[in-house]
Amino acid sequence: MKERCLYSLKNGALIQMEFGSGEMYTNANLTDEIAEKYLAANPEGRVFFSVLPDDWIERVENRKNGNAEKVIEEMTQMLENGETVEDVKAKYKGYMIDGKRMRVKILNAYIKEAQNRLEE
């Protein structure tokens, strides 16, 4: 079953990731990740969408700028300020990164990386 997408194209709209590319998307195969990658490369392409989430600009910017790195830096700062690993987990539980909910495995990997940076 297709995951619910926060973006929706206008009726009959078809987006292509690059000119001449065989990658074509309609509402049937559109995902948040694809829509955000498309909008990151083609911001004026928003005219092809009938539905955009309220925070679509922030989501696209995060995709362009590497949101994962920002999260790890924030976690490092939290740990440096004396907050515990449990505090970090509580803050980022259910956090969305690149349009998807952060899984526990990823959360733990980010915390480990933040701890490693703190030790250095």
N, C-alpha and C. Protein backbone atom coordinates (compact mmCIF):
# COMPACT_ATOMS: atom_id res chain seq x y z
N MET A 1 0.84 -1.18 0.00
CA MET A 1 0.00 0.00 0.00
C MET A 1 0.89 1.24 0.00
N LYS A 2 0.55 2.21 -0.82
CA LYS A 2 1.32 3.44 -0.94
C LYS A 2 1.18 4.28 0.33
N GLU A 3 2.35 4.80 0.77
CA GLU A 3 2.37 5.68 1.94
C GLU A 3 1.69 7.00 1.57
N ARG A 4 0.95 7.57 2.52
CA ARG A 4 0.25 8.83 2.27
C ARG A 4 1.26 9.93 1.97
N CYS A 5 1.05 10.62 0.87
CA CYS A 5 1.93 11.70 0.44
C CYS A 5 1.32 13.05 0.83
N LEU A 6 2.15 13.95 1.35
CA LEU A 6 1.68 15.27 1.75
C LEU A 6 1.52 16.21 0.56
N TYR A 7 2.02 15.80 -0.58
CA TYR A 7 1.97 16.61 -1.79
C TYR A 7 1.01 15.96 -2.78
N SER A 8 0.35 16.80 -3.58
CA SER A 8 -0.54 16.28 -4.60
C SER A 8 -0.40 17.14 -5.85
N LEU A 9 -0.30 16.47 -6.98
CA LEU A 9 -0.21 17.18 -8.26
C LEU A 9 -1.60 17.57 -8.75
N LYS A 10 -1.65 18.58 -9.58
CA LYS A 10 -2.92 18.96 -10.20
C LYS A 10 -3.36 17.85 -11.14
N ASN A 11 -4.66 17.77 -11.39
CA ASN A 11 -5.19 16.75 -12.29
C ASN A 11 -4.48 16.80 -13.63
N GLY A 12 -4.00 15.65 -14.07
CA GLY A 12 -3.34 15.55 -15.36
C GLY A 12 -1.87 15.97 -15.36
N ALA A 13 -1.37 16.47 -14.23
CA ALA A 13 0.03 16.92 -14.17
C ALA A 13 0.97 15.72 -14.09
N LEU A 14 2.10 15.90 -14.72
CA LEU A 14 3.16 14.89 -14.75
C LEU A 14 4.46 15.64 -14.55
N ILE A 15 5.27 15.21 -13.58
CA ILE A 15 6.56 15.89 -13.39
C ILE A 15 7.68 14.95 -13.81
N GLN A 16 8.74 15.57 -14.29
CA GLN A 16 9.92 14.84 -14.77
C GLN A 16 11.12 15.40 -13.99
N MET A 17 11.91 14.53 -13.40
CA MET A 17 13.01 14.99 -12.56
C MET A 17 14.03 15.83 -13.33
N GLU A 18 14.39 15.42 -14.51
CA GLU A 18 15.32 16.17 -15.37
C GLU A 18 14.80 16.12 -16.80
N PHE A 19 15.12 17.14 -17.55
CA PHE A 19 14.72 17.16 -18.95
C PHE A 19 15.34 15.96 -19.66
N GLY A 20 14.52 15.22 -20.36
CA GLY A 20 14.98 14.05 -21.11
C GLY A 20 15.06 12.78 -20.29
N SER A 21 14.81 12.89 -19.00
CA SER A 21 14.87 11.72 -18.11
C SER A 21 13.62 10.87 -18.28
N GLY A 22 13.78 9.60 -18.03
CA GLY A 22 12.64 8.68 -18.06
C GLY A 22 11.90 8.65 -16.74
N GLU A 23 12.39 9.37 -15.74
CA GLU A 23 11.73 9.41 -14.43
C GLU A 23 10.53 10.34 -14.50
N MET A 24 9.35 9.77 -14.54
CA MET A 24 8.11 10.54 -14.60
C MET A 24 7.24 10.19 -13.40
N TYR A 25 6.59 11.21 -12.85
CA TYR A 25 5.79 10.99 -11.65
C TYR A 25 4.41 11.62 -11.79
N THR A 26 3.42 10.87 -11.30
CA THR A 26 2.04 11.35 -11.19
C THR A 26 1.64 11.13 -9.73
N ASN A 27 0.42 11.44 -9.39
CA ASN A 27 -0.03 11.20 -8.01
C ASN A 27 0.04 9.72 -7.63
N ALA A 28 -0.02 8.85 -8.61
CA ALA A 28 0.00 7.41 -8.33
C ALA A 28 1.35 6.95 -7.77
N ASN A 29 2.45 7.60 -8.18
CA ASN A 29 3.76 7.15 -7.70
C ASN A 29 4.56 8.26 -7.01
N LEU A 30 3.91 9.36 -6.71
CA LEU A 30 4.57 10.49 -6.04
C LEU A 30 4.75 10.21 -4.55
N THR A 31 5.93 10.53 -4.02
CA THR A 31 6.20 10.43 -2.59
C THR A 31 6.67 11.80 -2.10
N ASP A 32 6.70 11.98 -0.79
CA ASP A 32 7.18 13.24 -0.22
C ASP A 32 8.62 13.50 -0.67
N GLU A 33 9.45 12.46 -0.62
CA GLU A 33 10.85 12.60 -1.00
C GLU A 33 10.99 13.06 -2.44
N ILE A 34 10.27 12.46 -3.35
CA ILE A 34 10.34 12.83 -4.77
C ILE A 34 9.86 14.26 -4.97
N ALA A 35 8.73 14.61 -4.36
CA ALA A 35 8.20 15.97 -4.50
C ALA A 35 9.20 17.00 -3.97
N GLU A 36 9.82 16.71 -2.83
CA GLU A 36 10.76 17.66 -2.23
C GLU A 36 12.04 17.76 -3.06
N LYS A 37 12.51 16.65 -3.60
CA LYS A 37 13.69 16.70 -4.48
C LYS A 37 13.36 17.51 -5.74
N TYR A 38 12.17 17.30 -6.28
CA TYR A 38 11.76 18.03 -7.47
C TYR A 38 11.69 19.53 -7.18
N LEU A 39 11.06 19.89 -6.07
CA LEU A 39 10.91 21.30 -5.72
C LEU A 39 12.26 21.94 -5.34
N ALA A 40 13.18 21.16 -4.81
CA ALA A 40 14.51 21.67 -4.49
C ALA A 40 15.24 22.06 -5.79
N ALA A 41 15.06 21.27 -6.82
CA ALA A 41 15.71 21.55 -8.10
C ALA A 41 14.92 22.55 -8.94
N ASN A 42 13.59 22.58 -8.77
CA ASN A 42 12.71 23.41 -9.59
C ASN A 42 11.66 24.11 -8.73
N PRO A 43 12.04 25.15 -7.98
CA PRO A 43 11.06 25.79 -7.08
C PRO A 43 9.84 26.34 -7.82
N GLU A 44 10.03 26.78 -9.07
CA GLU A 44 8.88 27.30 -9.81
C GLU A 44 7.92 26.20 -10.23
N GLY A 45 8.34 24.95 -10.06
CA GLY A 45 7.48 23.80 -10.37
C GLY A 45 6.34 23.64 -9.40
N ARG A 46 6.28 24.49 -8.38
CA ARG A 46 5.18 24.40 -7.41
C ARG A 46 3.83 24.64 -8.09
N VAL A 47 3.83 25.26 -9.25
CA VAL A 47 2.58 25.52 -9.97
C VAL A 47 1.91 24.23 -10.42
N PHE A 48 2.65 23.11 -10.46
CA PHE A 48 2.08 21.83 -10.87
C PHE A 48 1.40 21.10 -9.72
N PHE A 49 1.51 21.65 -8.50
CA PHE A 49 0.96 20.99 -7.32
C PHE A 49 -0.34 21.64 -6.89
N SER A 50 -1.33 20.80 -6.58
CA SER A 50 -2.59 21.32 -6.05
C SER A 50 -2.55 21.37 -4.53
N VAL A 51 -1.70 20.53 -3.93
CA VAL A 51 -1.57 20.49 -2.47
C VAL A 51 -0.09 20.49 -2.10
N LEU A 52 0.27 21.45 -1.24
CA LEU A 52 1.62 21.53 -0.67
C LEU A 52 1.44 21.65 0.85
N PRO A 53 2.25 20.95 1.65
CA PRO A 53 2.12 21.13 3.10
C PRO A 53 2.50 22.56 3.49
N ASP A 54 1.99 23.03 4.61
CA ASP A 54 2.28 24.40 5.06
C ASP A 54 3.76 24.68 5.18
N ASP A 55 4.53 23.66 5.59
CA ASP A 55 5.97 23.84 5.79
C ASP A 55 6.81 23.34 4.62
N TRP A 56 6.25 23.36 3.41
CA TRP A 56 6.94 22.79 2.26
C TRP A 56 8.27 23.48 1.97
N ILE A 57 8.35 24.79 2.17
CA ILE A 57 9.60 25.51 1.90
C ILE A 57 10.69 25.02 2.84
N GLU A 58 10.35 24.87 4.12
CA GLU A 58 11.32 24.38 5.10
C GLU A 58 11.75 22.94 4.78
N ARG A 59 10.80 22.11 4.39
CA ARG A 59 11.11 20.72 4.05
C ARG A 59 12.06 20.65 2.87
N VAL A 60 11.81 21.47 1.85
CA VAL A 60 12.67 21.48 0.66
C VAL A 60 14.06 22.00 1.03
N GLU A 61 14.13 23.04 1.84
CA GLU A 61 15.43 23.57 2.28
C GLU A 61 16.19 22.52 3.08
N ASN A 62 15.51 21.82 3.95
CA ASN A 62 16.15 20.77 4.73
C ASN A 62 16.70 19.67 3.82
N ARG A 63 15.96 19.34 2.80
CA ARG A 63 16.43 18.31 1.86
C ARG A 63 17.66 18.80 1.12
N LYS A 64 17.67 20.07 0.74
CA LYS A 64 18.82 20.63 0.03
C LYS A 64 20.04 20.74 0.93
N ASN A 65 19.84 21.10 2.19
CA ASN A 65 20.95 21.42 3.07
C ASN A 65 21.40 20.27 3.95
N GLY A 66 20.84 19.11 3.83
CA GLY A 66 21.27 17.98 4.63
C GLY A 66 20.80 18.07 6.07
N ASN A 67 19.54 17.82 6.29
CA ASN A 67 18.93 17.92 7.61
C ASN A 67 19.60 17.00 8.62
N ALA A 68 20.11 15.85 8.20
CA ALA A 68 20.72 14.91 9.13
C ALA A 68 21.91 15.55 9.84
N GLU A 69 22.72 16.27 9.12
CA GLU A 69 23.89 16.92 9.72
C GLU A 69 23.45 17.93 10.78
N LYS A 70 22.40 18.68 10.51
CA LYS A 70 21.89 19.65 11.48
C LYS A 70 21.42 18.97 12.76
N VAL A 71 20.75 17.84 12.60
CA VAL A 71 20.23 17.11 13.76
C VAL A 71 21.39 16.61 14.62
N ILE A 72 22.42 16.06 13.99
CA ILE A 72 23.57 15.56 14.74
C ILE A 72 24.26 16.70 15.47
N GLU A 73 24.38 17.85 14.82
CA GLU A 73 25.00 19.01 15.47
C GLU A 73 24.17 19.46 16.69
N GLU A 74 22.84 19.47 16.54
CA GLU A 74 21.97 19.85 17.66
C GLU A 74 22.10 18.86 18.81
N MET A 75 22.18 17.56 18.48
CA MET A 75 22.33 16.54 19.52
C MET A 75 23.67 16.70 20.25
N THR A 76 24.72 16.98 19.50
CA THR A 76 26.04 17.19 20.09
C THR A 76 25.99 18.36 21.06
N GLN A 77 25.31 19.43 20.63
CA GLN A 77 25.19 20.62 21.49
C GLN A 77 24.40 20.30 22.76
N MET A 78 23.34 19.53 22.63
CA MET A 78 22.54 19.15 23.80
C MET A 78 23.39 18.36 24.80
N LEU A 79 24.15 17.38 24.29
CA LEU A 79 24.99 16.57 25.16
C LEU A 79 26.09 17.41 25.80
N GLU A 80 26.62 18.34 25.04
CA GLU A 80 27.67 19.24 25.54
C GLU A 80 27.12 20.12 26.68
N ASN A 81 25.86 20.47 26.59
CA ASN A 81 25.22 21.32 27.60
C ASN A 81 24.76 20.53 28.82
N GLY A 82 25.10 19.25 28.87
CA GLY A 82 24.80 18.44 30.05
C GLY A 82 23.51 17.66 30.00
N GLU A 83 22.81 17.71 28.89
CA GLU A 83 21.58 16.92 28.78
C GLU A 83 21.94 15.45 28.58
N THR A 84 21.08 14.57 29.03
CA THR A 84 21.35 13.13 28.95
C THR A 84 20.91 12.58 27.59
N VAL A 85 21.35 11.35 27.34
CA VAL A 85 20.94 10.65 26.12
C VAL A 85 19.42 10.49 26.12
N GLU A 86 18.85 10.25 27.28
CA GLU A 86 17.39 10.10 27.39
C GLU A 86 16.68 11.41 27.03
N ASP A 87 17.26 12.55 27.42
CA ASP A 87 16.70 13.85 27.05
C ASP A 87 16.70 14.02 25.53
N VAL A 88 17.81 13.63 24.91
CA VAL A 88 17.94 13.74 23.45
C VAL A 88 16.92 12.83 22.78
N LYS A 89 16.81 11.59 23.26
CA LYS A 89 15.84 10.65 22.69
C LYS A 89 14.41 11.19 22.81
N ALA A 90 14.10 11.77 23.96
CA ALA A 90 12.75 12.31 24.18
C ALA A 90 12.45 13.45 23.21
N LYS A 91 13.45 14.31 22.97
CA LYS A 91 13.23 15.44 22.07
C LYS A 91 13.02 14.98 20.64
N TYR A 92 13.78 13.98 20.21
CA TYR A 92 13.75 13.57 18.81
C TYR A 92 12.85 12.37 18.53
N LYS A 93 12.17 11.85 19.53
CA LYS A 93 11.25 10.74 19.31
C LYS A 93 10.13 11.22 18.39
N GLY A 94 9.93 10.52 17.29
CA GLY A 94 8.89 10.90 16.34
C GLY A 94 9.28 12.05 15.43
N TYR A 95 10.53 12.48 15.49
CA TYR A 95 11.01 13.60 14.68
C TYR A 95 10.99 13.20 13.20
N MET A 96 10.63 14.16 12.36
CA MET A 96 10.60 13.92 10.92
C MET A 96 11.91 14.40 10.32
N ILE A 97 12.53 13.55 9.53
CA ILE A 97 13.75 13.92 8.83
C ILE A 97 13.61 13.46 7.39
N ASP A 98 13.85 14.36 6.47
CA ASP A 98 13.67 14.10 5.05
C ASP A 98 12.27 13.57 4.76
N GLY A 99 11.30 14.10 5.46
CA GLY A 99 9.90 13.76 5.21
C GLY A 99 9.46 12.43 5.78
N LYS A 100 10.33 11.77 6.55
CA LYS A 100 9.96 10.48 7.13
C LYS A 100 10.25 10.52 8.63
N ARG A 101 9.46 9.77 9.36
CA ARG A 101 9.65 9.69 10.80
C ARG A 101 10.97 8.97 11.08
N MET A 102 11.78 9.58 11.98
CA MET A 102 13.08 9.00 12.31
C MET A 102 12.89 7.71 13.09
N ARG A 103 13.48 6.66 12.61
CA ARG A 103 13.40 5.36 13.26
C ARG A 103 14.38 5.30 14.43
N VAL A 104 14.10 4.41 15.38
CA VAL A 104 14.93 4.26 16.58
C VAL A 104 16.37 3.92 16.21
N LYS A 105 16.54 3.08 15.21
CA LYS A 105 17.89 2.69 14.77
C LYS A 105 18.67 3.92 14.30
N ILE A 106 18.03 4.77 13.52
CA ILE A 106 18.68 5.99 13.02
C ILE A 106 18.93 6.96 14.18
N LEU A 107 17.95 7.10 15.05
CA LEU A 107 18.10 7.98 16.21
C LEU A 107 19.31 7.57 17.05
N ASN A 108 19.45 6.27 17.31
CA ASN A 108 20.58 5.78 18.09
C ASN A 108 21.90 6.00 17.37
N ALA A 109 21.92 5.84 16.06
CA ALA A 109 23.14 6.08 15.28
C ALA A 109 23.53 7.55 15.34
N TYR A 110 22.57 8.44 15.26
CA TYR A 110 22.84 9.88 15.34
C TYR A 110 23.37 10.26 16.72
N ILE A 111 22.77 9.67 17.76
CA ILE A 111 23.23 9.96 19.12
C ILE A 111 24.67 9.46 19.31
N LYS A 112 24.95 8.28 18.78
CA LYS A 112 26.31 7.74 18.88
C LYS A 112 27.31 8.66 18.17
N GLU A 113 26.93 9.15 17.00
CA GLU A 113 27.80 10.08 16.26
C GLU A 113 27.99 11.37 17.05
N ALA A 114 26.95 11.87 17.66
CA ALA A 114 27.04 13.08 18.49
C ALA A 114 27.97 12.83 19.68
N GLN A 115 27.87 11.67 20.29
CA GLN A 115 28.76 11.34 21.41
C GLN A 115 30.22 11.27 20.95
N ASN A 116 30.45 10.66 19.77
CA ASN A 116 31.80 10.57 19.23
C ASN A 116 32.38 11.96 18.97
N ARG A 117 31.57 12.85 18.44
CA ARG A 117 32.03 14.22 18.17
C ARG A 117 32.34 14.94 19.47
N LEU A 118 31.57 14.67 20.49
CA LEU A 118 31.78 15.31 21.78
C LEU A 118 33.08 14.84 22.42
N GLU A 119 33.41 13.56 22.24
CA GLU A 119 34.64 13.00 22.79
C GLU A 119 35.88 13.55 22.10
N GLU A 120 35.75 13.94 20.85
CA GLU A 120 36.90 14.41 20.07
C GLU A 120 37.37 15.77 20.48
